[in-house]
Amino acid sequence: MIFHLVDAAGWALAIAAGEHRPASLGAEGFVHLSTRAQVLGTANRFFAGRTDLLLLHVDEARLPGALRYEEGEPGQRFPHHYGPLPCQAVVRVVPLKPSASGAFEDLGEREG
């Protein structure tokens, strides 16, 4: 499982279109994704304090086209999908809420 962060309005547009085309797809040619170990760092670095985020759980096997793990920060390889993210590849959507400090501390998943 890999992950993508999107605001609720962006996800609503994606559902209507059947695919998600973030700005990075046009600007860089790919959709930024994260592994489980990377996603909280990504959320805190780029989205601290945001209360409208959704965490998309993406099944790699459902992605058409190229998925490459490439260096995004020195020593860290991030998954990049070269093409729009089809809604059918998203198997779960979870609201990602920050703590009172504005930091993201967990993936919003509850066990049990």
PDB file of N, CA and C in Angstrom:
ATOM      1  N   MET A   1       0.849  -1.179   0.000  1.00  0.00           N
ATOM      2  CA  MET A   1       0.000   0.000   0.000  1.00  0.00           C
ATOM      3  C   MET A   1       0.889   1.235   0.000  1.00  0.00           C
ATOM      4  N   ILE A   2       0.531   2.191  -0.853  1.00  0.00           N
ATOM      5  CA  ILE A   2       1.180   3.493  -0.859  1.00  0.00           C
ATOM      6  C   ILE A   2       0.098   4.544  -0.629  1.00  0.00           C
ATOM      7  N   PHE A   3       0.513   5.790  -0.413  1.00  0.00           N
ATOM      8  CA  PHE A   3      -0.423   6.798   0.055  1.00  0.00           C
ATOM      9  C   PHE A   3      -0.273   8.109  -0.711  1.00  0.00           C
ATOM     10  N   HIS A   4      -1.395   8.831  -0.786  1.00  0.00           N
ATOM     11  CA  HIS A   4      -1.402  10.149  -1.406  1.00  0.00           C
ATOM     12  C   HIS A   4      -2.257  11.063  -0.545  1.00  0.00           C
ATOM     13  N   LEU A   5      -1.815  12.301  -0.379  1.00  0.00           N
ATOM     14  CA  LEU A   5      -2.551  13.297   0.382  1.00  0.00           C
ATOM     15  C   LEU A   5      -3.255  14.250  -0.581  1.00  0.00           C
ATOM     16  N   VAL A   6      -4.515  14.523  -0.293  1.00  0.00           N
ATOM     17  CA  VAL A   6      -5.303  15.423  -1.119  1.00  0.00           C
ATOM     18  C   VAL A   6      -6.315  16.137  -0.234  1.00  0.00           C
ATOM     19  N   ASP A   7      -6.666  17.360  -0.603  1.00  0.00           N
ATOM     20  CA  ASP A   7      -7.714  18.032   0.163  1.00  0.00           C
ATOM     21  C   ASP A   7      -9.075  17.498  -0.279  1.00  0.00           C
ATOM     22  N   ALA A   8     -10.063  17.683   0.560  1.00  0.00           N
ATOM     23  CA  ALA A   8     -11.390  17.127   0.310  1.00  0.00           C
ATOM     24  C   ALA A   8     -11.985  17.648  -0.999  1.00  0.00           C
ATOM     25  N   ALA A   9     -11.778  18.919  -1.303  1.00  0.00           N
ATOM     26  CA  ALA A   9     -12.316  19.483  -2.547  1.00  0.00           C
ATOM     27  C   ALA A   9     -11.649  18.850  -3.767  1.00  0.00           C
ATOM     28  N   GLY A  10     -10.359  18.642  -3.695  1.00  0.00           N
ATOM     29  CA  GLY A  10      -9.643  17.995  -4.797  1.00  0.00           C
ATOM     30  C   GLY A  10     -10.104  16.568  -5.021  1.00  0.00           C
ATOM     31  N   TRP A  11     -10.386  15.858  -3.933  1.00  0.00           N
ATOM     32  CA  TRP A  11     -10.861  14.479  -4.064  1.00  0.00           C
ATOM     33  C   TRP A  11     -12.265  14.446  -4.659  1.00  0.00           C
ATOM     34  N   ALA A  12     -13.107  15.387  -4.279  1.00  0.00           N
ATOM     35  CA  ALA A  12     -14.458  15.452  -4.858  1.00  0.00           C
ATOM     36  C   ALA A  12     -14.379  15.657  -6.372  1.00  0.00           C
ATOM     37  N   LEU A  13     -13.472  16.508  -6.826  1.00  0.00           N
ATOM     38  CA  LEU A  13     -13.276  16.712  -8.265  1.00  0.00           C
ATOM     39  C   LEU A  13     -12.775  15.430  -8.931  1.00  0.00           C
ATOM     40  N   ALA A  14     -11.874  14.731  -8.253  1.00  0.00           N
ATOM     41  CA  ALA A  14     -11.332  13.483  -8.796  1.00  0.00           C
ATOM     42  C   ALA A  14     -12.428  12.436  -8.957  1.00  0.00           C
ATOM     43  N   ILE A  15     -13.287  12.312  -7.979  1.00  0.00           N
ATOM     44  CA  ILE A  15     -14.378  11.336  -8.056  1.00  0.00           C
ATOM     45  C   ILE A  15     -15.273  11.651  -9.254  1.00  0.00           C
ATOM     46  N   ALA A  16     -15.573  12.922  -9.444  1.00  0.00           N
ATOM     47  CA  ALA A  16     -16.416  13.312 -10.580  1.00  0.00           C
ATOM     48  C   ALA A  16     -15.752  13.000 -11.918  1.00  0.00           C
ATOM     49  N   ALA A  17     -14.421  13.121 -11.975  1.00  0.00           N
ATOM     50  CA  ALA A  17     -13.682  12.888 -13.223  1.00  0.00           C
ATOM     51  C   ALA A  17     -13.238  11.435 -13.390  1.00  0.00           C
ATOM     52  N   GLY A  18     -13.244  10.681 -12.291  1.00  0.00           N
ATOM     53  CA  GLY A  18     -12.777   9.298 -12.340  1.00  0.00           C
ATOM     54  C   GLY A  18     -11.285   9.146 -12.131  1.00  0.00           C
ATOM     55  N   GLU A  19     -10.583  10.282 -11.987  1.00  0.00           N
ATOM     56  CA  GLU A  19      -9.145  10.237 -11.759  1.00  0.00           C
ATOM     57  C   GLU A  19      -8.693  11.532 -11.109  1.00  0.00           C
ATOM     58  N   HIS A  20      -7.572  11.439 -10.414  1.00  0.00           N
ATOM     59  CA  HIS A  20      -6.994  12.602  -9.732  1.00  0.00           C
ATOM     60  C   HIS A  20      -5.790  13.081 -10.530  1.00  0.00           C
ATOM     61  N   ARG A  21      -5.805  14.377 -10.847  1.00  0.00           N
ATOM     62  CA  ARG A  21      -4.711  14.997 -11.602  1.00  0.00           C
ATOM     63  C   ARG A  21      -4.181  16.179 -10.789  1.00  0.00           C
ATOM     64  N   PRO A  22      -3.317  15.917  -9.825  1.00  0.00           N
ATOM     65  CA  PRO A  22      -2.782  17.019  -9.028  1.00  0.00           C
ATOM     66  C   PRO A  22      -1.885  17.923  -9.873  1.00  0.00           C
ATOM     67  N   ALA A  23      -1.610  19.110  -9.373  1.00  0.00           N
ATOM     68  CA  ALA A  23      -0.768  20.063 -10.089  1.00  0.00           C
ATOM     69  C   ALA A  23       0.589  19.471 -10.440  1.00  0.00           C
ATOM     70  N   SER A  24       1.112  18.595  -9.601  1.00  0.00           N
ATOM     71  CA  SER A  24       2.431  18.006  -9.862  1.00  0.00           C
ATOM     72  C   SER A  24       2.444  17.189 -11.153  1.00  0.00           C
ATOM     73  N   LEU A  25       1.314  16.646 -11.543  1.00  0.00           N
ATOM     74  CA  LEU A  25       1.269  15.851 -12.772  1.00  0.00           C
ATOM     75  C   LEU A  25       1.592  16.730 -13.984  1.00  0.00           C
ATOM     76  N   GLY A  26       1.018  17.919 -14.034  1.00  0.00           N
ATOM     77  CA  GLY A  26       1.305  18.833 -15.130  1.00  0.00           C
ATOM     78  C   GLY A  26       2.685  19.466 -15.020  1.00  0.00           C
ATOM     79  N   ALA A  27       3.090  19.803 -13.800  1.00  0.00           N
ATOM     80  CA  ALA A  27       4.348  20.512 -13.597  1.00  0.00           C
ATOM     81  C   ALA A  27       5.568  19.597 -13.653  1.00  0.00           C
ATOM     82  N   GLU A  28       5.447  18.400 -13.084  1.00  0.00           N
ATOM     83  CA  GLU A  28       6.598  17.504 -12.964  1.00  0.00           C
ATOM     84  C   GLU A  28       6.429  16.197 -13.745  1.00  0.00           C
ATOM     85  N   GLY A  29       5.191  15.926 -14.155  1.00  0.00           N
ATOM     86  CA  GLY A  29       4.940  14.717 -14.937  1.00  0.00           C
ATOM     87  C   GLY A  29       4.575  13.508 -14.115  1.00  0.00           C
ATOM     88  N   PHE A  30       4.404  13.672 -12.814  1.00  0.00           N
ATOM     89  CA  PHE A  30       4.047  12.534 -11.979  1.00  0.00           C
ATOM     90  C   PHE A  30       3.244  12.963 -10.759  1.00  0.00           C
ATOM     91  N   VAL A  31       2.605  11.977 -10.124  1.00  0.00           N
ATOM     92  CA  VAL A  31       1.863  12.162  -8.884  1.00  0.00           C
ATOM     93  C   VAL A  31       2.776  11.750  -7.733  1.00  0.00           C
ATOM     94  N   HIS A  32       2.934  12.628  -6.759  1.00  0.00           N
ATOM     95  CA  HIS A  32       3.737  12.320  -5.569  1.00  0.00           C
ATOM     96  C   HIS A  32       2.969  11.362  -4.671  1.00  0.00           C
ATOM     97  N   LEU A  33       3.615  10.307  -4.258  1.00  0.00           N
ATOM     98  CA  LEU A  33       3.052   9.327  -3.333  1.00  0.00           C
ATOM     99  C   LEU A  33       4.061   9.100  -2.213  1.00  0.00           C
ATOM    100  N   SER A  34       3.627   8.421  -1.168  1.00  0.00           N
ATOM    101  CA  SER A  34       4.502   8.114  -0.045  1.00  0.00           C
ATOM    102  C   SER A  34       4.278   6.686   0.414  1.00  0.00           C
ATOM    103  N   THR A  35       5.300   6.108   1.017  1.00  0.00           N
ATOM    104  CA  THR A  35       5.146   4.825   1.696  1.00  0.00           C
ATOM    105  C   THR A  35       4.539   5.098   3.069  1.00  0.00           C
ATOM    106  N   ARG A  36       4.150   4.048   3.763  1.00  0.00           N
ATOM    107  CA  ARG A  36       3.611   4.202   5.122  1.00  0.00           C
ATOM    108  C   ARG A  36       4.623   4.926   6.017  1.00  0.00           C
ATOM    109  N   ALA A  37       5.887   4.590   5.889  1.00  0.00           N
ATOM    110  CA  ALA A  37       6.924   5.192   6.730  1.00  0.00           C
ATOM    111  C   ALA A  37       7.156   6.670   6.398  1.00  0.00           C
ATOM    112  N   GLN A  38       6.802   7.108   5.216  1.00  0.00           N
ATOM    113  CA  GLN A  38       7.071   8.480   4.770  1.00  0.00           C
ATOM    114  C   GLN A  38       5.896   9.435   4.910  1.00  0.00           C
ATOM    115  N   VAL A  39       4.688   8.928   4.963  1.00  0.00           N
ATOM    116  CA  VAL A  39       3.513   9.785   4.777  1.00  0.00           C
ATOM    117  C   VAL A  39       3.330  10.834   5.876  1.00  0.00           C
ATOM    118  N   LEU A  40       3.608  10.517   7.127  1.00  0.00           N
ATOM    119  CA  LEU A  40       3.455  11.538   8.175  1.00  0.00           C
ATOM    120  C   LEU A  40       4.484  12.650   8.009  1.00  0.00           C
ATOM    121  N   GLY A  41       5.702  12.301   7.625  1.00  0.00           N
ATOM    122  CA  GLY A  41       6.713  13.319   7.362  1.00  0.00           C
ATOM    123  C   GLY A  41       6.295  14.233   6.227  1.00  0.00           C
ATOM    124  N   THR A  42       5.743  13.647   5.180  1.00  0.00           N
ATOM    125  CA  THR A  42       5.247  14.431   4.052  1.00  0.00           C
ATOM    126  C   THR A  42       4.119  15.358   4.499  1.00  0.00           C
ATOM    127  N   ALA A  43       3.176  14.822   5.261  1.00  0.00           N
ATOM    128  CA  ALA A  43       2.046  15.631   5.735  1.00  0.00           C
ATOM    129  C   ALA A  43       2.528  16.800   6.589  1.00  0.00           C
ATOM    130  N   ASN A  44       3.457  16.532   7.485  1.00  0.00           N
ATOM    131  CA  ASN A  44       3.950  17.589   8.371  1.00  0.00           C
ATOM    132  C   ASN A  44       4.807  18.609   7.631  1.00  0.00           C
ATOM    133  N   ARG A  45       5.540  18.176   6.642  1.00  0.00           N
ATOM    134  CA  ARG A  45       6.400  19.099   5.899  1.00  0.00           C
ATOM    135  C   ARG A  45       5.594  20.047   5.003  1.00  0.00           C
ATOM    136  N   PHE A  46       4.565  19.522   4.345  1.00  0.00           N
ATOM    137  CA  PHE A  46       3.849  20.311   3.349  1.00  0.00           C
ATOM    138  C   PHE A  46       2.452  20.766   3.757  1.00  0.00           C
ATOM    139  N   PHE A  47       1.845  20.127   4.775  1.00  0.00           N
ATOM    140  CA  PHE A  47       0.437  20.402   5.076  1.00  0.00           C
ATOM    141  C   PHE A  47       0.152  20.648   6.556  1.00  0.00           C
ATOM    142  N   ALA A  48       1.141  20.982   7.353  1.00  0.00           N
ATOM    143  CA  ALA A  48       0.951  21.149   8.804  1.00  0.00           C
ATOM    144  C   ALA A  48      -0.220  22.085   9.087  1.00  0.00           C
ATOM    145  N   GLY A  49      -1.075  21.650  10.000  1.00  0.00           N
ATOM    146  CA  GLY A  49      -2.211  22.458  10.430  1.00  0.00           C
ATOM    147  C   GLY A  49      -3.442  22.366   9.554  1.00  0.00           C
ATOM    148  N   ARG A  50      -3.337  21.771   8.377  1.00  0.00           N
ATOM    149  CA  ARG A  50      -4.500  21.663   7.482  1.00  0.00           C
ATOM    150  C   ARG A  50      -5.522  20.700   8.070  1.00  0.00           C
ATOM    151  N   THR A  51      -6.759  21.070   8.014  1.00  0.00           N
ATOM    152  CA  THR A  51      -7.819  20.227   8.590  1.00  0.00           C
ATOM    153  C   THR A  51      -8.711  19.605   7.525  1.00  0.00           C
ATOM    154  N   ASP A  52      -8.380  19.831   6.255  1.00  0.00           N
ATOM    155  CA  ASP A  52      -9.223  19.330   5.169  1.00  0.00           C
ATOM    156  C   ASP A  52      -8.552  18.212   4.372  1.00  0.00           C
ATOM    157  N   LEU A  53      -7.532  17.575   4.950  1.00  0.00           N
ATOM    158  CA  LEU A  53      -6.790  16.553   4.216  1.00  0.00           C
ATOM    159  C   LEU A  53      -7.431  15.178   4.291  1.00  0.00           C
ATOM    160  N   LEU A  54      -7.283  14.460   3.207  1.00  0.00           N
ATOM    161  CA  LEU A  54      -7.675  13.054   3.151  1.00  0.00           C
ATOM    162  C   LEU A  54      -6.436  12.240   2.813  1.00  0.00           C
ATOM    163  N   LEU A  55      -6.337  11.091   3.415  1.00  0.00           N
ATOM    164  CA  LEU A  55      -5.249  10.159   3.139  1.00  0.00           C
ATOM    165  C   LEU A  55      -5.810   9.058   2.249  1.00  0.00           C
ATOM    166  N   LEU A  56      -5.328   9.021   1.008  1.00  0.00           N
ATOM    167  CA  LEU A  56      -5.768   7.998   0.073  1.00  0.00           C
ATOM    168  C   LEU A  56      -4.861   6.793   0.184  1.00  0.00           C
ATOM    169  N   HIS A  57      -5.453   5.627   0.403  1.00  0.00           N
ATOM    170  CA  HIS A  57      -4.724   4.362   0.409  1.00  0.00           C
ATOM    171  C   HIS A  57      -4.773   3.827  -1.019  1.00  0.00           C
ATOM    172  N   VAL A  58      -3.631   3.722  -1.640  1.00  0.00           N
ATOM    173  CA  VAL A  58      -3.544   3.370  -3.053  1.00  0.00           C
ATOM    174  C   VAL A  58      -2.940   1.976  -3.203  1.00  0.00           C
ATOM    175  N   ASP A  59      -3.630   1.118  -3.919  1.00  0.00           N
ATOM    176  CA  ASP A  59      -3.141  -0.233  -4.224  1.00  0.00           C
ATOM    177  C   ASP A  59      -2.248  -0.137  -5.459  1.00  0.00           C
ATOM    178  N   GLU A  60      -0.957  -0.352  -5.263  1.00  0.00           N
ATOM    179  CA  GLU A  60       0.009  -0.252  -6.364  1.00  0.00           C
ATOM    180  C   GLU A  60      -0.381  -1.128  -7.554  1.00  0.00           C
ATOM    181  N   ALA A  61      -0.949  -2.286  -7.275  1.00  0.00           N
ATOM    182  CA  ALA A  61      -1.293  -3.228  -8.348  1.00  0.00           C
ATOM    183  C   ALA A  61      -2.396  -2.681  -9.258  1.00  0.00           C
ATOM    184  N   ARG A  62      -3.151  -1.706  -8.792  1.00  0.00           N
ATOM    185  CA  ARG A  62      -4.246  -1.134  -9.592  1.00  0.00           C
ATOM    186  C   ARG A  62      -3.830   0.087 -10.407  1.00  0.00           C
ATOM    187  N   LEU A  63      -2.574   0.463 -10.313  1.00  0.00           N
ATOM    188  CA  LEU A  63      -2.098   1.629 -11.049  1.00  0.00           C
ATOM    189  C   LEU A  63      -1.670   1.237 -12.457  1.00  0.00           C
ATOM    190  N   PRO A  64      -2.227   1.895 -13.458  1.00  0.00           N
ATOM    191  CA  PRO A  64      -1.748   1.653 -14.823  1.00  0.00           C
ATOM    192  C   PRO A  64      -0.469   2.451 -15.048  1.00  0.00           C
ATOM    193  N   GLY A  65       0.335   2.025 -15.947  1.00  0.00           N
ATOM    194  CA  GLY A  65       1.518   2.806 -16.301  1.00  0.00           C
ATOM    195  C   GLY A  65       2.633   2.683 -15.282  1.00  0.00           C
ATOM    196  N   ALA A  66       3.528   3.633 -15.361  1.00  0.00           N
ATOM    197  CA  ALA A  66       4.775   3.561 -14.612  1.00  0.00           C
ATOM    198  C   ALA A  66       4.649   4.064 -13.176  1.00  0.00           C
ATOM    199  N   LEU A  67       5.169   3.269 -12.258  1.00  0.00           N
ATOM    200  CA  LEU A  67       5.367   3.675 -10.873  1.00  0.00           C
ATOM    201  C   LEU A  67       6.852   3.485 -10.610  1.00  0.00           C
ATOM    202  N   ARG A  68       7.511   4.566 -10.223  1.00  0.00           N
ATOM    203  CA  ARG A  68       8.958   4.501  -9.990  1.00  0.00           C
ATOM    204  C   ARG A  68       9.264   5.017  -8.596  1.00  0.00           C
ATOM    205  N   TYR A  69      10.203   4.363  -7.945  1.00  0.00           N
ATOM    206  CA  TYR A  69      10.701   4.832  -6.659  1.00  0.00           C
ATOM    207  C   TYR A  69      11.950   5.649  -6.957  1.00  0.00           C
ATOM    208  N   GLU A  70      11.852   6.959  -6.696  1.00  0.00           N
ATOM    209  CA  GLU A  70      12.928   7.870  -7.047  1.00  0.00           C
ATOM    210  C   GLU A  70      13.290   8.737  -5.845  1.00  0.00           C
ATOM    211  N   GLU A  71      14.537   9.186  -5.844  1.00  0.00           N
ATOM    212  CA  GLU A  71      15.008  10.007  -4.737  1.00  0.00           C
ATOM    213  C   GLU A  71      14.251  11.326  -4.713  1.00  0.00           C
ATOM    214  N   GLY A  72      13.612  11.598  -3.588  1.00  0.00           N
ATOM    215  CA  GLY A  72      12.881  12.843  -3.411  1.00  0.00           C
ATOM    216  C   GLY A  72      13.612  13.746  -2.425  1.00  0.00           C
ATOM    217  N   GLU A  73      14.300  13.137  -1.510  1.00  0.00           N
ATOM    218  CA  GLU A  73      15.178  13.806  -0.555  1.00  0.00           C
ATOM    219  C   GLU A  73      16.432  12.948  -0.514  1.00  0.00           C
ATOM    220  N   PRO A  74      17.558  13.535  -0.165  1.00  0.00           N
ATOM    221  CA  PRO A  74      18.778  12.718  -0.118  1.00  0.00           C
ATOM    222  C   PRO A  74      18.579  11.455   0.737  1.00  0.00           C
ATOM    223  N   GLY A  75      18.808  10.317   0.109  1.00  0.00           N
ATOM    224  CA  GLY A  75      18.711   9.043   0.812  1.00  0.00           C
ATOM    225  C   GLY A  75      17.312   8.465   0.932  1.00  0.00           C
ATOM    226  N   GLN A  76      16.302   9.157   0.440  1.00  0.00           N
ATOM    227  CA  GLN A  76      14.918   8.653   0.523  1.00  0.00           C
ATOM    228  C   GLN A  76      14.319   8.531  -0.863  1.00  0.00           C
ATOM    229  N   ARG A  77      13.814   7.341  -1.145  1.00  0.00           N
ATOM    230  CA  ARG A  77      13.178   7.092  -2.430  1.00  0.00           C
ATOM    231  C   ARG A  77      11.660   7.079  -2.219  1.00  0.00           C
ATOM    232  N   PHE A  78      10.979   7.934  -2.978  1.00  0.00           N
ATOM    233  CA  PHE A  78       9.528   8.068  -2.884  1.00  0.00           C
ATOM    234  C   PHE A  78       8.880   7.469  -4.128  1.00  0.00           C
ATOM    235  N   PRO A  79       7.685   6.894  -3.975  1.00  0.00           N
ATOM    236  CA  PRO A  79       6.966   6.412  -5.154  1.00  0.00           C
ATOM    237  C   PRO A  79       6.390   7.579  -5.956  1.00  0.00           C
ATOM    238  N   HIS A  80       6.605   7.533  -7.256  1.00  0.00           N
ATOM    239  CA  HIS A  80       6.063   8.525  -8.185  1.00  0.00           C
ATOM    240  C   HIS A  80       5.296   7.782  -9.266  1.00  0.00           C
ATOM    241  N   HIS A  81       4.046   8.189  -9.486  1.00  0.00           N
ATOM    242  CA  HIS A  81       3.230   7.568 -10.529  1.00  0.00           C
ATOM    243  C   HIS A  81       3.169   8.496 -11.729  1.00  0.00           C
ATOM    244  N   TYR A  82       3.624   7.995 -12.862  1.00  0.00           N
ATOM    245  CA  TYR A  82       3.670   8.774 -14.095  1.00  0.00           C
ATOM    246  C   TYR A  82       2.354   8.620 -14.866  1.00  0.00           C
ATOM    247  N   GLY A  83       1.383   9.374 -14.436  1.00  0.00           N
ATOM    248  CA  GLY A  83       0.062   9.361 -15.032  1.00  0.00           C
ATOM    249  C   GLY A  83      -0.947   9.756 -13.981  1.00  0.00           C
ATOM    250  N   PRO A  84      -2.186  10.045 -14.387  1.00  0.00           N
ATOM    251  CA  PRO A  84      -3.218  10.392 -13.406  1.00  0.00           C
ATOM    252  C   PRO A  84      -3.475   9.219 -12.466  1.00  0.00           C
ATOM    253  N   LEU A  85      -3.937   9.537 -11.279  1.00  0.00           N
ATOM    254  CA  LEU A  85      -4.256   8.527 -10.274  1.00  0.00           C
ATOM    255  C   LEU A  85      -5.721   8.128 -10.439  1.00  0.00           C
ATOM    256  N   PRO A  86      -5.993   6.920 -10.960  1.00  0.00           N
ATOM    257  CA  PRO A  86      -7.391   6.518 -11.145  1.00  0.00           C
ATOM    258  C   PRO A  86      -8.070   6.268  -9.788  1.00  0.00           C
ATOM    259  N   CYS A  87      -9.296   6.707  -9.687  1.00  0.00           N
ATOM    260  CA  CYS A  87     -10.041   6.505  -8.440  1.00  0.00           C
ATOM    261  C   CYS A  87     -10.154   5.019  -8.082  1.00  0.00           C
ATOM    262  N   GLN A  88     -10.174   4.143  -9.099  1.00  0.00           N
ATOM    263  CA  GLN A  88     -10.279   2.700  -8.851  1.00  0.00           C
ATOM    264  C   GLN A  88      -9.056   2.144  -8.132  1.00  0.00           C
ATOM    265  N   ALA A  89      -7.930   2.870  -8.156  1.00  0.00           N
ATOM    266  CA  ALA A  89      -6.723   2.415  -7.468  1.00  0.00           C
ATOM    267  C   ALA A  89      -6.772   2.744  -5.975  1.00  0.00           C
ATOM    268  N   VAL A  90      -7.703   3.617  -5.590  1.00  0.00           N
ATOM    269  CA  VAL A  90      -7.828   4.031  -4.188  1.00  0.00           C
ATOM    270  C   VAL A  90      -8.775   3.072  -3.488  1.00  0.00           C
ATOM    271  N   VAL A  91      -8.246   2.364  -2.487  1.00  0.00           N
ATOM    272  CA  VAL A  91      -9.042   1.342  -1.802  1.00  0.00           C
ATOM    273  C   VAL A  91      -9.599   1.816  -0.462  1.00  0.00           C
ATOM    274  N   ARG A  92      -9.102   2.951   0.012  1.00  0.00           N
ATOM    275  CA  ARG A  92      -9.598   3.487   1.279  1.00  0.00           C
ATOM    276  C   ARG A  92      -9.282   4.971   1.341  1.00  0.00           C
ATOM    277  N   VAL A  93     -10.196   5.739   1.923  1.00  0.00           N
ATOM    278  CA  VAL A  93     -10.008   7.179   2.101  1.00  0.00           C
ATOM    279  C   VAL A  93     -10.248   7.476   3.576  1.00  0.00           C
ATOM    280  N   VAL A  94      -9.261   8.102   4.228  1.00  0.00           N
ATOM    281  CA  VAL A  94      -9.337   8.374   5.662  1.00  0.00           C
ATOM    282  C   VAL A  94      -9.056   9.861   5.897  1.00  0.00           C
ATOM    283  N   PRO A  95      -9.915  10.556   6.648  1.00  0.00           N
ATOM    284  CA  PRO A  95      -9.581  11.940   7.006  1.00  0.00           C
ATOM    285  C   PRO A  95      -8.290  11.955   7.827  1.00  0.00           C
ATOM    286  N   LEU A  96      -7.403  12.880   7.531  1.00  0.00           N
ATOM    287  CA  LEU A  96      -6.150  13.012   8.270  1.00  0.00           C
ATOM    288  C   LEU A  96      -6.215  14.314   9.035  1.00  0.00           C
ATOM    289  N   LYS A  97      -6.326  14.223  10.332  1.00  0.00           N
ATOM    290  CA  LYS A  97      -6.511  15.398  11.179  1.00  0.00           C
ATOM    291  C   LYS A  97      -5.258  15.664  12.006  1.00  0.00           C
ATOM    292  N   PRO A  98      -4.867  16.940  12.108  1.00  0.00           N
ATOM    293  CA  PRO A  98      -3.712  17.269  12.946  1.00  0.00           C
ATOM    294  C   PRO A  98      -4.088  17.278  14.414  1.00  0.00           C
ATOM    295  N   SER A  99      -3.068  17.167  15.245  1.00  0.00           N
ATOM    296  CA  SER A  99      -3.273  17.301  16.685  1.00  0.00           C
ATOM    297  C   SER A  99      -3.488  18.776  17.009  1.00  0.00           C
ATOM    298  N   ALA A 100      -3.683  19.093  18.277  1.00  0.00           N
ATOM    299  CA  ALA A 100      -3.897  20.475  18.696  1.00  0.00           C
ATOM    300  C   ALA A 100      -2.705  21.358  18.325  1.00  0.00           C
ATOM    301  N   SER A 101      -1.517  20.774  18.241  1.00  0.00           N
ATOM    302  CA  SER A 101      -0.314  21.540  17.886  1.00  0.00           C
ATOM    303  C   SER A 101      -0.224  21.811  16.387  1.00  0.00           C
ATOM    304  N   GLY A 102      -1.089  21.177  15.588  1.00  0.00           N
ATOM    305  CA  GLY A 102      -1.056  21.335  14.139  1.00  0.00           C
ATOM    306  C   GLY A 102      -0.258  20.262  13.438  1.00  0.00           C
ATOM    307  N   ALA A 103       0.380  19.373  14.215  1.00  0.00           N
ATOM    308  CA  ALA A 103       1.191  18.299  13.638  1.00  0.00           C
ATOM    309  C   ALA A 103       0.341  17.055  13.396  1.00  0.00           C
ATOM    310  N   PHE A 104       0.708  16.314  12.372  1.00  0.00           N
ATOM    311  CA  PHE A 104       0.073  15.021  12.108  1.00  0.00           C
ATOM    312  C   PHE A 104       0.871  13.953  12.844  1.00  0.00           C
ATOM    313  N   GLU A 105       0.183  13.192  13.681  1.00  0.00           N
ATOM    314  CA  GLU A 105       0.872  12.230  14.538  1.00  0.00           C
ATOM    315  C   GLU A 105       0.501  10.790  14.258  1.00  0.00           C
ATOM    316  N   ASP A 106      -0.625  10.570  13.598  1.00  0.00           N
ATOM    317  CA  ASP A 106      -1.008   9.207  13.234  1.00  0.00           C
ATOM    318  C   ASP A 106      -1.796   9.247  11.932  1.00  0.00           C
ATOM    319  N   LEU A 107      -1.975   8.089  11.345  1.00  0.00           N
ATOM    320  CA  LEU A 107      -2.614   8.012  10.033  1.00  0.00           C
ATOM    321  C   LEU A 107      -4.141   8.002  10.084  1.00  0.00           C
ATOM    322  N   GLY A 108      -4.706   8.241  11.243  1.00  0.00           N
ATOM    323  CA  GLY A 108      -6.151   8.311  11.360  1.00  0.00           C
ATOM    324  C   GLY A 108      -6.811   6.938  11.352  1.00  0.00           C
ATOM    325  N   GLU A 109      -6.002   5.901  11.480  1.00  0.00           N
ATOM    326  CA  GLU A 109      -6.534   4.533  11.471  1.00  0.00           C
ATOM    327  C   GLU A 109      -6.716   4.073  12.908  1.00  0.00           C
ATOM    328  N   ARG A 110      -7.792   3.442  13.139  1.00  0.00           N
ATOM    329  CA  ARG A 110      -8.065   2.868  14.455  1.00  0.00           C
ATOM    330  C   ARG A 110      -8.088   1.367  14.343  1.00  0.00           C
ATOM    331  N   GLU A 111      -7.329   0.723  15.188  1.00  0.00           N
ATOM    332  CA  GLU A 111      -7.306  -0.753  15.180  1.00  0.00           C
ATOM    333  C   GLU A 111      -8.554  -1.273  15.872  1.00  0.00           C
ATOM    334  N   GLY A 112      -8.973  -2.449  15.431  1.00  0.00           N
ATOM    335  CA  GLY A 112     -10.082  -3.119  16.091  1.00  0.00           C
ATOM    336  C   GLY A 112     -11.330  -2.763  15.540  1.00  0.00           C
TER     337      GLY A 112
END
